[in-house]
């Protein structure tokens, strides 16, 4: 491999990589290639440890960021990336899902660029897509849903989303980081005009062998989530497309209510 020159704006030695939703087979070939070349890998909590088999020679630094848990400060993560980048180390910042979907890749790439370092982003499959597919839910379906909207229920300034706009947008809603805000999600969408009968899928640990899922109506979301004992990491899929998976979920529904 050719030598890398630190601080050369035409040289990329930092990669912001999506590891996929959890299933280690859902990582991309490009991500695997970059991991095999990495000297340092800064890895998030939600990355399946099996993914690290692709970088056996790298130094692994765990920089977990997870809601409700003690997290590594973003400023510290930035400083580490800057240090290794300026040293010319082949650095991978490994994130769960897709790094550009609630993964801060855009912020990190911009922060590095302002300091003269270029980062390449390598996409990954996001949990909302993988979880829905595992349940047989098509996020878009001709005649049912012409689009999909991805939102996070956890905002930096704790402001509320435009629930009315989301309710009346006519798209399938995929809500990330919403377990702690189920009451606000349910109330906001109902008050925004989404019918009480709208089907919702709760999908926990998307794509993993122990994935759990449960289907209910929007007006039953909080009650059924408690009965199901829904835990993070989880996504919600809200919309009529969820009804396409009804044949797949009854057994799990019985298990949740047992």
Protein backbone atom coordinates (compact mmCIF):
# COMPACT_ATOMS: atom_id res chain seq x y z
CA UNK A 1 0.00 0.00 0.00
CA UNK A 2 1.31 3.47 -0.84
CA UNK A 3 2.49 5.75 1.93
CA UNK A 4 0.05 8.34 3.22
CA UNK A 5 1.06 11.94 3.80
CA UNK A 6 -0.54 13.63 6.85
CA UNK A 7 -2.51 16.82 6.16
CA UNK A 8 -2.41 16.36 2.39
CA UNK A 9 -5.87 17.61 1.32
CA UNK A 10 -5.89 15.18 -1.60
CA UNK A 11 -5.20 12.15 0.60
CA UNK A 12 -7.96 10.32 2.41
CA UNK A 13 -6.89 8.38 5.47
CA UNK A 14 -10.08 8.81 7.52
CA UNK A 15 -13.23 6.87 6.74
CA UNK A 16 -16.63 7.28 8.40
CA UNK A 17 -18.10 3.83 7.92
CA UNK A 18 -21.55 2.35 8.44
CA UNK A 19 -21.42 -1.15 9.93
CA UNK A 20 -25.05 -1.88 9.14
CA UNK A 21 -27.91 -2.61 11.54
CA UNK A 22 -26.40 -5.54 13.42
CA UNK A 23 -26.38 -8.60 11.20
CA UNK A 24 -22.67 -8.94 10.32
CA UNK A 25 -23.58 -10.13 6.82
CA UNK A 26 -25.19 -6.80 6.02
CA UNK A 27 -21.95 -4.82 5.97
CA UNK A 28 -20.81 -3.67 2.52
CA UNK A 29 -17.80 -5.03 0.65
CA UNK A 30 -16.30 -1.54 0.56
CA UNK A 31 -16.54 -1.26 4.33
CA UNK A 32 -14.86 -4.64 4.73
CA UNK A 33 -12.00 -3.56 2.43
CA UNK A 34 -11.40 -0.34 4.35
CA UNK A 35 -11.53 -2.11 7.71
CA UNK A 36 -8.92 -4.61 6.54
CA UNK A 37 -6.55 -1.68 5.84
CA UNK A 38 -7.28 0.23 9.05
CA UNK A 39 -4.66 0.93 11.68
CA UNK A 40 -7.10 2.47 14.16
CA UNK A 41 -10.84 1.80 14.48
CA UNK A 42 -13.02 4.00 16.69
CA UNK A 43 -16.15 1.93 17.23
CA UNK A 44 -19.63 2.81 18.52
CA UNK A 45 -21.64 0.71 20.99
CA UNK A 46 -24.22 -0.54 18.52
CA UNK A 47 -21.68 -2.16 16.19
CA UNK A 48 -21.82 -5.96 16.29
CA UNK A 49 -18.48 -7.21 17.71
CA UNK A 50 -18.34 -9.76 14.87
CA UNK A 51 -17.69 -6.88 12.46
CA UNK A 52 -14.31 -6.32 14.12
CA UNK A 53 -13.09 -9.64 12.72
CA UNK A 54 -12.49 -7.68 9.50
CA UNK A 55 -9.79 -5.54 11.16
CA UNK A 56 -7.67 -7.92 13.27
CA UNK A 57 -4.53 -5.77 13.02
CA UNK A 58 -6.16 -2.48 14.02
CA UNK A 59 -6.10 -0.77 17.36
CA UNK A 60 -9.72 -0.76 18.62
CA UNK A 61 -10.93 2.29 20.54
CA UNK A 62 -14.47 2.11 21.89
CA UNK A 63 -16.23 5.46 21.82
CA UNK A 64 -19.81 4.51 22.59
CA UNK A 65 -22.66 7.00 22.41
CA UNK A 66 -26.01 5.69 23.54
CA UNK A 67 -29.13 7.33 24.91
CA UNK A 68 -29.67 6.82 28.64
CA UNK A 69 -26.12 5.53 29.16
CA UNK A 70 -22.78 7.09 29.89
CA UNK A 71 -21.46 8.28 26.54
CA UNK A 72 -18.11 9.34 25.14
CA UNK A 73 -18.24 13.14 24.60
CA UNK A 74 -18.33 14.15 20.94
CA UNK A 75 -15.55 16.69 21.53
CA UNK A 76 -13.25 13.89 22.72
CA UNK A 77 -14.11 11.79 19.65
CA UNK A 78 -13.34 14.73 17.39
CA UNK A 79 -9.96 15.31 19.03
CA UNK A 80 -9.02 11.65 18.66
CA UNK A 81 -9.91 11.67 14.97
CA UNK A 82 -7.89 14.83 14.47
CA UNK A 83 -4.85 13.38 16.26
CA UNK A 84 -4.76 10.14 14.28
CA UNK A 85 -5.63 11.90 11.06
CA UNK A 86 -2.74 14.31 11.39
CA UNK A 87 -0.43 11.39 12.20
CA UNK A 88 -1.38 9.85 8.87
CA UNK A 89 -2.91 6.77 10.50
CA UNK A 90 -5.50 4.89 8.48
CA UNK A 91 -8.47 5.62 10.71
CA UNK A 92 -11.98 4.18 10.55
CA UNK A 93 -14.80 5.72 12.58
CA UNK A 94 -17.18 2.75 12.68
CA UNK A 95 -20.85 3.47 13.34
CA UNK A 96 -23.97 1.31 13.53
CA UNK A 97 -26.40 1.49 10.64
CA UNK A 98 -25.69 4.26 8.16
CA UNK A 99 -23.35 7.02 9.35
CA UNK A 100 -25.41 9.73 7.65
CA UNK A 101 -28.73 8.73 9.22
CA UNK A 102 -28.62 10.05 12.79
CA UNK A 103 -24.96 9.03 12.93
CA UNK A 104 -23.27 12.48 12.92
CA UNK A 105 -21.09 11.67 9.93
CA UNK A 106 -21.95 14.97 8.30
CA UNK A 107 -20.95 16.91 11.41
CA UNK A 108 -17.71 14.98 11.83
CA UNK A 109 -16.72 15.27 8.17
CA UNK A 110 -17.33 19.02 8.27
CA UNK A 111 -15.38 19.43 11.53
CA UNK A 112 -12.41 17.57 10.06
CA UNK A 113 -12.57 19.50 6.78
CA UNK A 114 -12.39 22.79 8.69
CA UNK A 115 -9.08 21.55 10.08
CA UNK A 116 -7.68 20.45 6.75
CA UNK A 117 -8.49 16.74 6.85
CA UNK A 118 -10.65 14.97 4.30
CA UNK A 119 -12.90 12.07 5.33
CA UNK A 120 -14.67 9.62 3.06
CA UNK A 121 -18.13 8.39 4.05
CA UNK A 122 -19.05 4.76 3.37
CA UNK A 123 -22.74 4.04 3.64
CA UNK A 124 -24.33 1.21 5.58
CA UNK A 125 -27.81 -0.29 5.76
CA UNK A 126 -29.90 1.59 8.29
CA UNK A 127 -31.85 -0.17 11.04
CA UNK A 128 -35.24 1.16 9.91
CA UNK A 129 -34.88 -0.43 6.50
CA UNK A 130 -33.43 -3.72 7.74
CA UNK A 131 -35.91 -4.13 10.57
CA UNK A 132 -38.90 -3.46 8.36
CA UNK A 133 -37.65 -5.90 5.74
CA UNK A 134 -37.13 -8.59 8.37
CA UNK A 135 -40.82 -8.19 9.26
CA UNK A 136 -41.99 -8.30 5.66
CA UNK A 137 -42.89 -4.60 5.68
CA UNK A 138 -42.22 -2.66 2.45
CA UNK A 139 -41.56 0.93 3.47
CA UNK A 140 -42.99 2.10 0.16
CA UNK A 141 -45.73 0.29 -1.72
CA UNK A 142 -47.56 1.39 -4.83
CA UNK A 143 -51.09 2.43 -3.95
CA UNK A 144 -50.35 2.49 -0.21
CA UNK A 145 -47.31 4.66 0.48
CA UNK A 146 -45.38 6.75 -2.03
CA UNK A 147 -42.59 7.71 0.32
CA UNK A 148 -40.86 7.18 3.63
CA UNK A 149 -39.82 9.70 6.27
CA UNK A 150 -37.02 8.94 8.74
CA UNK A 151 -37.13 10.94 11.97
CA UNK A 152 -35.50 10.82 15.38
CA UNK A 153 -37.62 11.37 18.46
CA UNK A 154 -34.53 12.54 20.37
CA UNK A 155 -33.61 16.10 19.40
CA UNK A 156 -30.52 17.99 20.53
CA UNK A 157 -32.54 20.85 22.03
CA UNK A 158 -35.47 18.68 23.24
CA UNK A 159 -37.82 20.52 20.87
CA UNK A 160 -40.92 18.77 19.56
CA UNK A 161 -41.17 17.56 16.00
CA UNK A 162 -43.78 18.95 13.62
CA UNK A 163 -46.22 16.16 14.41
CA UNK A 164 -48.98 17.63 12.28
CA UNK A 165 -46.71 17.79 9.26
CA UNK A 166 -45.59 14.20 9.80
CA UNK A 167 -49.16 12.99 10.36
CA UNK A 168 -50.42 14.63 7.18
CA UNK A 169 -47.40 13.93 4.99
CA UNK A 170 -48.82 10.73 3.53
CA UNK A 171 -45.57 8.77 3.95
CA UNK A 172 -44.50 5.80 6.03
CA UNK A 173 -42.86 7.06 9.23
CA UNK A 174 -39.78 5.38 10.65
CA UNK A 175 -38.96 6.72 14.11
CA UNK A 176 -35.51 6.18 15.62
CA UNK A 177 -34.60 6.63 19.29
CA UNK A 178 -38.23 6.79 20.32
CA UNK A 179 -38.55 4.29 23.18
CA UNK A 180 -38.28 6.96 25.87
CA UNK A 181 -40.74 9.27 24.06
CA UNK A 182 -43.58 6.94 23.11
CA UNK A 183 -46.18 9.12 24.85
CA UNK A 184 -45.12 12.21 22.88
CA UNK A 185 -45.03 10.25 19.62
CA UNK A 186 -48.49 8.76 20.10
CA UNK A 187 -50.08 11.99 21.31
CA UNK A 188 -48.39 14.15 18.68
CA UNK A 189 -49.42 11.99 15.74
CA UNK A 190 -52.99 11.52 16.96
CA UNK A 191 -53.43 15.25 17.58
CA UNK A 192 -51.78 15.89 14.22
CA UNK A 193 -54.53 13.97 12.47
CA UNK A 194 -53.17 10.44 11.96
CA UNK A 195 -56.03 7.94 12.42
CA UNK A 196 -56.09 6.02 15.69
CA UNK A 197 -56.27 2.77 13.70
CA UNK A 198 -52.95 3.40 11.92
CA UNK A 199 -50.82 0.26 12.32
CA UNK A 200 -47.48 0.50 14.11
CA UNK A 201 -44.62 -2.00 14.20
CA UNK A 202 -42.22 -1.90 17.12
CA UNK A 203 -38.93 -3.52 16.07
CA UNK A 204 -36.26 -4.19 18.66
CA UNK A 205 -32.65 -5.13 17.79
CA UNK A 206 -33.25 -4.97 14.05
CA UNK A 207 -31.70 -7.72 11.90
CA UNK A 208 -30.11 -9.60 14.80
CA UNK A 209 -30.94 -13.21 15.65
CA UNK A 210 -32.85 -12.03 18.74
CA UNK A 211 -34.85 -9.35 16.91
CA UNK A 212 -38.32 -8.90 18.41
CA UNK A 213 -41.28 -7.17 16.81
CA UNK A 214 -44.87 -6.41 17.69
CA UNK A 215 -47.75 -4.81 15.82
CA UNK A 216 -50.51 -2.64 17.26
CA UNK A 217 -52.69 0.38 16.54
CA UNK A 218 -51.36 3.89 17.06
CA UNK A 219 -53.85 4.60 19.86
CA UNK A 220 -52.59 1.48 21.68
CA UNK A 221 -48.88 2.20 21.25
CA UNK A 222 -47.91 3.09 24.82
CA UNK A 223 -50.03 0.39 26.42
CA UNK A 224 -48.82 -2.33 24.06
CA UNK A 225 -45.18 -1.23 24.31
CA UNK A 226 -45.35 -1.71 28.07
CA UNK A 227 -46.90 -5.16 27.65
CA UNK A 228 -44.24 -6.06 25.09
CA UNK A 229 -41.48 -4.63 27.34
CA UNK A 230 -40.00 -2.72 24.43
CA UNK A 231 -36.36 -1.74 24.96
CA UNK A 232 -33.70 0.17 23.05
CA UNK A 233 -32.32 -0.08 20.47
CA UNK A 234 -35.61 -0.10 18.62
CA UNK A 235 -37.37 1.60 15.73
CA UNK A 236 -41.03 2.26 15.07
CA UNK A 237 -42.59 1.85 11.63
CA UNK A 238 -45.88 3.74 11.41
CA UNK A 239 -48.21 3.57 8.43
CA UNK A 240 -50.58 1.42 6.41
CA UNK A 241 -47.69 -0.60 4.95
CA UNK A 242 -47.32 -2.27 8.36
CA UNK A 243 -50.58 -4.12 7.67
CA UNK A 244 -48.77 -6.01 4.90
CA UNK A 245 -46.89 -7.90 7.61
CA UNK A 246 -49.90 -8.90 9.71
CA UNK A 247 -49.53 -12.57 8.82
CA UNK A 248 -46.00 -12.57 10.28
CA UNK A 249 -46.72 -11.05 13.66
CA UNK A 250 -49.60 -12.84 15.48
CA UNK A 251 -47.36 -15.37 17.20
CA UNK A 252 -45.17 -12.62 18.61
CA UNK A 253 -48.23 -10.66 19.64
CA UNK A 254 -49.45 -13.64 21.68
CA UNK A 255 -46.01 -13.98 23.24
CA UNK A 256 -45.99 -10.31 24.24
CA UNK A 257 -49.38 -10.49 25.90
CA UNK A 258 -48.64 -13.73 27.75
